[in-house]
Amino acid sequence: MSVRVAVVAFDGFDELDTFVALGLLNRLAASGWKAEIASPASHVTSMNGVTVQAQRPLEFANEADAVIFGSGLYARAIAEGAGKSGTLLDRLQLDPLRQTIGGQCSGVLLMARLGLLADMPASTDALSKPWVVQAGVRVIDAPFHARGPVATAGGGLAAQYLAAWMMARRAGFDAAAQALHPAAPVGEKDEYVARLLGVVRPFVDAPAG
């Protein structure tokens, strides 16, 4: 089954959020998955000065099957533009009835401003928590939380949970395990994958397989 994933990255993006999710999701390439960096400009520069070429325009997120929002230095400023014509978030019209959508840390703030969380509690990091709370979201002390097709995570390394959840939800746990296993640390692969999938399992209504 073909699954197109938009990994949204704005200037100041966190490399862990973006590249960990991108790398893990593309391990299902043989099954028709393709995760790509979607940005508002042709090139985007990370919080540590790494400049990469965008693979897709920001609007690709509107048509993608799944979307991931990582965190970034300027997420709060971007969030303040929500609802204003001509701003970055104004270019996004996402649909959780059709798409699988996840975010972490300050990316959760962007999801809140886009109206994607409703009354759902969310995970985020300590730095972003006050902003997310101010946006009207109840923040919980957990690395990952999801409801239906919408998920949130807190902490850069929690990108593994978002990727695992997305794969399990759309391709099944067997496919997710097969994709994650090669990336897991040598000598603890089975335990690592089992723990990772164990975190997201309560939040997944996955297809058989």
C-alpha atoms as a PDB file:
ATOM      1  CA  MET A   1       0.000   0.000   0.000  1.00  0.00           C
ATOM      2  CA  SER A   2       1.435   3.335  -1.066  1.00  0.00           C
ATOM      3  CA  VAL A   3       1.782   5.833   1.778  1.00  0.00           C
ATOM      4  CA  ARG A   4       3.096   9.348   1.185  1.00  0.00           C
ATOM      5  CA  VAL A   5       4.403  11.098   4.288  1.00  0.00           C
ATOM      6  CA  ALA A   6       5.167  14.806   4.605  1.00  0.00           C
ATOM      7  CA  VAL A   7       7.787  15.520   7.264  1.00  0.00           C
ATOM      8  CA  VAL A   8       7.223  19.241   7.767  1.00  0.00           C
ATOM      9  CA  ALA A   9      10.386  21.250   8.444  1.00  0.00           C
ATOM     10  CA  PHE A  10      10.665  24.989   8.932  1.00  0.00           C
ATOM     11  CA  ASP A  11      13.879  26.960   9.407  1.00  0.00           C
ATOM     12  CA  GLY A  12      15.341  26.142  12.813  1.00  0.00           C
ATOM     13  CA  PHE A  13      14.057  22.565  12.704  1.00  0.00           C
ATOM     14  CA  ASP A  14      15.364  19.979  15.164  1.00  0.00           C
ATOM     15  CA  GLU A  15      17.428  17.371  13.317  1.00  0.00           C
ATOM     16  CA  LEU A  16      16.403  14.501  15.597  1.00  0.00           C
ATOM     17  CA  ASP A  17      12.694  15.087  15.070  1.00  0.00           C
ATOM     18  CA  THR A  18      13.039  15.363  11.321  1.00  0.00           C
ATOM     19  CA  PHE A  19      15.720  12.874  10.324  1.00  0.00           C
ATOM     20  CA  VAL A  20      14.882  10.064  12.770  1.00  0.00           C
ATOM     21  CA  ALA A  21      11.268   9.988  11.600  1.00  0.00           C
ATOM     22  CA  LEU A  22      12.286  10.352   7.945  1.00  0.00           C
ATOM     23  CA  GLY A  23      14.849   7.558   8.138  1.00  0.00           C
ATOM     24  CA  LEU A  24      12.632   5.085   9.975  1.00  0.00           C
ATOM     25  CA  LEU A  25       9.548   5.631   7.839  1.00  0.00           C
ATOM     26  CA  ASN A  26      11.506   5.170   4.636  1.00  0.00           C
ATOM     27  CA  ARG A  27      12.512   1.695   5.789  1.00  0.00           C
ATOM     28  CA  LEU A  28       9.097   0.701   4.458  1.00  0.00           C
ATOM     29  CA  ALA A  29      10.024   1.953   0.972  1.00  0.00           C
ATOM     30  CA  ALA A  30       9.771  -1.566  -0.446  1.00  0.00           C
ATOM     31  CA  SER A  31       6.128  -1.574   0.671  1.00  0.00           C
ATOM     32  CA  GLY A  32       5.378   1.677  -1.135  1.00  0.00           C
ATOM     33  CA  TRP A  33       6.074   4.172   1.631  1.00  0.00           C
ATOM     34  CA  LYS A  34       7.847   7.429   0.857  1.00  0.00           C
ATOM     35  CA  ALA A  35       8.577  10.075   3.487  1.00  0.00           C
ATOM     36  CA  GLU A  36       9.816  13.439   2.228  1.00  0.00           C
ATOM     37  CA  ILE A  37      10.792  16.754   3.783  1.00  0.00           C
ATOM     38  CA  ALA A  38       8.174  19.398   3.031  1.00  0.00           C
ATOM     39  CA  SER A  39       9.208  23.016   3.557  1.00  0.00           C
ATOM     40  CA  PRO A  40       8.015  26.516   2.638  1.00  0.00           C
ATOM     41  CA  ALA A  41      11.206  27.234   0.679  1.00  0.00           C
ATOM     42  CA  SER A  42      13.574  25.275  -1.564  1.00  0.00           C
ATOM     43  CA  HIS A  43      16.126  24.960   1.248  1.00  0.00           C
ATOM     44  CA  VAL A  44      15.683  24.830   5.007  1.00  0.00           C
ATOM     45  CA  THR A  45      18.302  25.236   7.744  1.00  0.00           C
ATOM     46  CA  SER A  46      18.244  23.325  11.033  1.00  0.00           C
ATOM     47  CA  MET A  47      18.767  24.687  14.541  1.00  0.00           C
ATOM     48  CA  ASN A  48      22.419  23.630  14.298  1.00  0.00           C
ATOM     49  CA  GLY A  49      23.061  25.166  10.908  1.00  0.00           C
ATOM     50  CA  VAL A  50      22.546  22.132   8.675  1.00  0.00           C
ATOM     51  CA  THR A  51      20.980  23.233   5.383  1.00  0.00           C
ATOM     52  CA  VAL A  52      19.073  20.669   3.344  1.00  0.00           C
ATOM     53  CA  GLN A  53      17.111  20.824   0.129  1.00  0.00           C
ATOM     54  CA  ALA A  54      13.378  20.411   0.555  1.00  0.00           C
ATOM     55  CA  GLN A  55      11.958  17.481  -1.343  1.00  0.00           C
ATOM     56  CA  ARG A  56       8.459  18.868  -1.491  1.00  0.00           C
ATOM     57  CA  PRO A  57       6.753  22.257  -1.041  1.00  0.00           C
ATOM     58  CA  LEU A  58       4.920  22.874   2.224  1.00  0.00           C
ATOM     59  CA  GLU A  59       1.562  22.335   0.508  1.00  0.00           C
ATOM     60  CA  PHE A  60       2.467  18.697  -0.109  1.00  0.00           C
ATOM     61  CA  ALA A  61       1.309  18.140   3.477  1.00  0.00           C
ATOM     62  CA  ASN A  62      -2.253  18.884   2.366  1.00  0.00           C
ATOM     63  CA  GLU A  63      -2.325  15.948  -0.053  1.00  0.00           C
ATOM     64  CA  ALA A  64      -0.045  13.513   1.796  1.00  0.00           C
ATOM     65  CA  ASP A  65      -1.461  10.428   3.478  1.00  0.00           C
ATOM     66  CA  ALA A  66       0.413  11.232   6.679  1.00  0.00           C
ATOM     67  CA  VAL A  67       2.070  14.312   8.186  1.00  0.00           C
ATOM     68  CA  ILE A  68       4.689  14.780  10.898  1.00  0.00           C
ATOM     69  CA  PHE A  69       5.488  18.071  12.616  1.00  0.00           C
ATOM     70  CA  GLY A  70       8.857  18.197  14.336  1.00  0.00           C
ATOM     71  CA  SER A  71       9.954  20.968  16.660  1.00  0.00           C
ATOM     72  CA  GLY A  72      11.978  24.029  15.821  1.00  0.00           C
ATOM     73  CA  LEU A  73      13.400  27.285  17.095  1.00  0.00           C
ATOM     74  CA  TYR A  74      10.718  29.400  15.456  1.00  0.00           C
ATOM     75  CA  ALA A  75       7.648  27.256  16.086  1.00  0.00           C
ATOM     76  CA  ARG A  76       6.149  29.741  18.540  1.00  0.00           C
ATOM     77  CA  ALA A  77       6.472  32.600  16.078  1.00  0.00           C
ATOM     78  CA  ILE A  78       4.990  30.439  13.316  1.00  0.00           C
ATOM     79  CA  ALA A  79       2.126  29.417  15.602  1.00  0.00           C
ATOM     80  CA  GLU A  80       1.257  33.060  16.255  1.00  0.00           C
ATOM     81  CA  GLY A  81       0.408  33.380  12.569  1.00  0.00           C
ATOM     82  CA  ALA A  82      -2.387  30.806  12.794  1.00  0.00           C
ATOM     83  CA  GLY A  83      -5.570  32.076  11.186  1.00  0.00           C
ATOM     84  CA  LYS A  84      -3.882  35.035   9.525  1.00  0.00           C
ATOM     85  CA  SER A  85      -3.928  35.222   5.758  1.00  0.00           C
ATOM     86  CA  GLY A  86      -0.602  34.757   4.019  1.00  0.00           C
ATOM     87  CA  THR A  87       1.195  33.144   6.962  1.00  0.00           C
ATOM     88  CA  LEU A  88       2.914  29.749   6.879  1.00  0.00           C
ATOM     89  CA  LEU A  89       0.166  27.902   8.746  1.00  0.00           C
ATOM     90  CA  ASP A  90      -2.420  29.488   6.461  1.00  0.00           C
ATOM     91  CA  ARG A  91      -0.944  27.349   3.686  1.00  0.00           C
ATOM     92  CA  LEU A  92      -1.935  24.147   5.495  1.00  0.00           C
ATOM     93  CA  GLN A  93      -5.380  22.564   5.336  1.00  0.00           C
ATOM     94  CA  LEU A  94      -5.045  19.168   6.969  1.00  0.00           C
ATOM     95  CA  ASP A  95      -7.789  16.591   7.449  1.00  0.00           C
ATOM     96  CA  PRO A  96      -7.508  14.008  10.253  1.00  0.00           C
ATOM     97  CA  LEU A  97     -10.448  12.128   8.763  1.00  0.00           C
ATOM     98  CA  ARG A  98      -8.239  11.308   5.786  1.00  0.00           C
ATOM     99  CA  GLN A  99      -4.699  11.751   7.119  1.00  0.00           C
ATOM    100  CA  THR A 100      -2.576  10.317   9.917  1.00  0.00           C
ATOM    101  CA  ILE A 101      -0.989  13.265  11.731  1.00  0.00           C
ATOM    102  CA  GLY A 102       1.706  13.378  14.414  1.00  0.00           C
ATOM    103  CA  GLY A 103       3.906  15.960  16.062  1.00  0.00           C
ATOM    104  CA  GLN A 104       6.412  16.350  18.842  1.00  0.00           C
ATOM    105  CA  CYS A 105       7.666  19.043  21.169  1.00  0.00           C
ATOM    106  CA  SER A 106       6.929  22.491  19.693  1.00  0.00           C
ATOM    107  CA  GLY A 107       5.453  20.771  16.658  1.00  0.00           C
ATOM    108  CA  VAL A 108       2.545  19.951  18.983  1.00  0.00           C
ATOM    109  CA  LEU A 109       1.963  23.692  19.370  1.00  0.00           C
ATOM    110  CA  LEU A 110       1.579  23.990  15.602  1.00  0.00           C
ATOM    111  CA  MET A 111      -0.933  21.134  15.650  1.00  0.00           C
ATOM    112  CA  ALA A 112      -2.883  22.889  18.394  1.00  0.00           C
ATOM    113  CA  ARG A 113      -2.981  26.148  16.452  1.00  0.00           C
ATOM    114  CA  LEU A 114      -4.214  24.258  13.391  1.00  0.00           C
ATOM    115  CA  GLY A 115      -7.107  22.903  15.462  1.00  0.00           C
ATOM    116  CA  LEU A 116      -5.987  19.298  15.181  1.00  0.00           C
ATOM    117  CA  LEU A 117      -6.015  18.380  18.875  1.00  0.00           C
ATOM    118  CA  ALA A 118      -9.525  19.442  19.960  1.00  0.00           C
ATOM    119  CA  ASP A 119      -9.906  18.215  23.580  1.00  0.00           C
ATOM    120  CA  MET A 120      -7.204  15.577  23.260  1.00  0.00           C
ATOM    121  CA  PRO A 121      -4.453  15.615  25.929  1.00  0.00           C
ATOM    122  CA  ALA A 122      -0.955  15.852  24.489  1.00  0.00           C
ATOM    123  CA  SER A 123       2.657  14.963  25.098  1.00  0.00           C
ATOM    124  CA  THR A 124       5.336  17.598  24.529  1.00  0.00           C
ATOM    125  CA  ASP A 125       8.689  18.678  25.937  1.00  0.00           C
ATOM    126  CA  ALA A 126       9.251  20.876  28.993  1.00  0.00           C
ATOM    127  CA  LEU A 127      10.248  23.932  26.967  1.00  0.00           C
ATOM    128  CA  SER A 128       7.149  23.827  24.778  1.00  0.00           C
ATOM    129  CA  LYS A 129       4.719  22.886  27.552  1.00  0.00           C
ATOM    130  CA  PRO A 130       3.785  26.453  28.633  1.00  0.00           C
ATOM    131  CA  TRP A 131       3.015  27.427  25.028  1.00  0.00           C
ATOM    132  CA  VAL A 132       0.958  24.302  24.419  1.00  0.00           C
ATOM    133  CA  VAL A 133      -0.968  24.839  27.666  1.00  0.00           C
ATOM    134  CA  GLN A 134      -1.570  28.453  26.672  1.00  0.00           C
ATOM    135  CA  ALA A 135      -3.049  27.138  23.431  1.00  0.00           C
ATOM    136  CA  GLY A 136      -5.681  25.359  25.523  1.00  0.00           C
ATOM    137  CA  VAL A 137      -4.213  21.846  25.519  1.00  0.00           C
ATOM    138  CA  ARG A 138      -3.840  19.636  28.594  1.00  0.00           C
ATOM    139  CA  VAL A 139      -0.255  18.340  28.672  1.00  0.00           C
ATOM    140  CA  ILE A 140       0.423  14.935  30.189  1.00  0.00           C
ATOM    141  CA  ASP A 141       3.686  13.522  31.544  1.00  0.00           C
ATOM    142  CA  ALA A 142       4.195  10.795  28.950  1.00  0.00           C
ATOM    143  CA  PRO A 143       6.522  10.305  25.988  1.00  0.00           C
ATOM    144  CA  PHE A 144       3.674   9.534  23.603  1.00  0.00           C
ATOM    145  CA  HIS A 145      -0.084   9.885  23.369  1.00  0.00           C
ATOM    146  CA  ALA A 146      -2.531   9.415  20.515  1.00  0.00           C
ATOM    147  CA  ARG A 147      -6.225   9.402  19.828  1.00  0.00           C
ATOM    148  CA  GLY A 148      -7.398   7.924  16.565  1.00  0.00           C
ATOM    149  CA  PRO A 149      -5.330   9.323  13.675  1.00  0.00           C
ATOM    150  CA  VAL A 150      -3.645  12.078  15.711  1.00  0.00           C
ATOM    151  CA  ALA A 151      -0.550  11.595  17.881  1.00  0.00           C
ATOM    152  CA  THR A 152       1.821  13.684  19.978  1.00  0.00           C
ATOM    153  CA  ALA A 153       5.232  12.977  21.497  1.00  0.00           C
ATOM    154  CA  GLY A 154       7.682  14.729  23.790  1.00  0.00           C
ATOM    155  CA  GLY A 155      11.471  14.765  23.493  1.00  0.00           C
ATOM    156  CA  GLY A 156      13.676  14.546  20.405  1.00  0.00           C
ATOM    157  CA  LEU A 157      14.220  10.801  20.645  1.00  0.00           C
ATOM    158  CA  ALA A 158      10.458  10.321  20.866  1.00  0.00           C
ATOM    159  CA  ALA A 159      10.524  10.569  17.074  1.00  0.00           C
ATOM    160  CA  GLN A 160      10.905   6.789  17.161  1.00  0.00           C
ATOM    161  CA  TYR A 161       7.486   6.507  18.796  1.00  0.00           C
ATOM    162  CA  LEU A 162       5.814   8.681  16.174  1.00  0.00           C
ATOM    163  CA  ALA A 163       7.376   6.665  13.373  1.00  0.00           C
ATOM    164  CA  ALA A 164       6.546   3.316  14.999  1.00  0.00           C
ATOM    165  CA  TRP A 165       2.947   4.376  15.673  1.00  0.00           C
ATOM    166  CA  MET A 166       2.484   5.608  12.124  1.00  0.00           C
ATOM    167  CA  MET A 167       3.884   2.405  10.633  1.00  0.00           C
ATOM    168  CA  ALA A 168       1.887   0.143  12.947  1.00  0.00           C
ATOM    169  CA  ARG A 169      -1.316   2.070  12.383  1.00  0.00           C
ATOM    170  CA  ARG A 170      -1.103   2.050   8.598  1.00  0.00           C
ATOM    171  CA  ALA A 171       0.886  -1.124   7.837  1.00  0.00           C
ATOM    172  CA  GLY A 172       0.448  -3.348  10.893  1.00  0.00           C
ATOM    173  CA  PHE A 173       2.744  -4.380  13.722  1.00  0.00           C
ATOM    174  CA  ASP A 174       4.579  -7.061  11.770  1.00  0.00           C
ATOM    175  CA  ALA A 175       5.593  -4.572   9.071  1.00  0.00           C
ATOM    176  CA  ALA A 176       6.566  -2.005  11.685  1.00  0.00           C
ATOM    177  CA  ALA A 177       8.731  -4.535  13.545  1.00  0.00           C
ATOM    178  CA  GLN A 178      10.480  -5.594  10.343  1.00  0.00           C
ATOM    179  CA  ALA A 179      11.233  -1.954   9.509  1.00  0.00           C
ATOM    180  CA  LEU A 180      12.475  -1.071  12.988  1.00  0.00           C
ATOM    181  CA  HIS A 181      14.577  -4.181  13.596  1.00  0.00           C
ATOM    182  CA  PRO A 182      17.557  -3.223  11.351  1.00  0.00           C
ATOM    183  CA  ALA A 183      17.746   0.206  13.006  1.00  0.00           C
ATOM    184  CA  ALA A 184      17.700  -1.155  16.549  1.00  0.00           C
ATOM    185  CA  PRO A 185      20.989  -1.440  18.478  1.00  0.00           C
ATOM    186  CA  VAL A 186      22.935  -4.669  17.939  1.00  0.00           C
ATOM    187  CA  GLY A 187      22.640  -7.112  20.822  1.00  0.00           C
ATOM    188  CA  GLU A 188      19.278  -5.787  21.960  1.00  0.00           C
ATOM    189  CA  LYS A 189      17.234  -5.684  18.776  1.00  0.00           C
ATOM    190  CA  ASP A 190      14.321  -7.885  19.842  1.00  0.00           C
ATOM    191  CA  GLU A 191      13.996  -6.235  23.247  1.00  0.00           C
ATOM    192  CA  TYR A 192      14.322  -2.744  21.768  1.00  0.00           C
ATOM    193  CA  VAL A 193      11.652  -3.265  19.108  1.00  0.00           C
ATOM    194  CA  ALA A 194       9.310  -4.971  21.571  1.00  0.00           C
ATOM    195  CA  ARG A 195       9.597  -2.071  24.008  1.00  0.00           C
ATOM    196  CA  LEU A 196       9.161   0.522  21.279  1.00  0.00           C
ATOM    197  CA  LEU A 197       6.050  -1.100  19.877  1.00  0.00           C
ATOM    198  CA  GLY A 198       4.787  -1.730  23.393  1.00  0.00           C
ATOM    199  CA  VAL A 199       4.633   2.024  24.014  1.00  0.00           C
ATOM    200  CA  VAL A 200       2.477   2.721  20.960  1.00  0.00           C
ATOM    201  CA  ARG A 201       0.404  -0.479  20.943  1.00  0.00           C
ATOM    202  CA  PRO A 202      -2.349   0.834  23.278  1.00  0.00           C
ATOM    203  CA  PHE A 203      -2.959   3.697  20.851  1.00  0.00           C
ATOM    204  CA  VAL A 204      -3.100   1.689  17.625  1.00  0.00           C
ATOM    205  CA  ASP A 205      -6.032   0.099  15.891  1.00  0.00           C
ATOM    206  CA  ALA A 206      -3.773  -1.530  13.312  1.00  0.00           C
ATOM    207  CA  PRO A 207      -4.663  -3.637  10.294  1.00  0.00           C
ATOM    208  CA  ALA A 208      -3.928  -7.320  10.504  1.00  0.00           C
ATOM    209  CA  GLY A 209      -0.429  -8.375   9.574  1.00  0.00           C
END
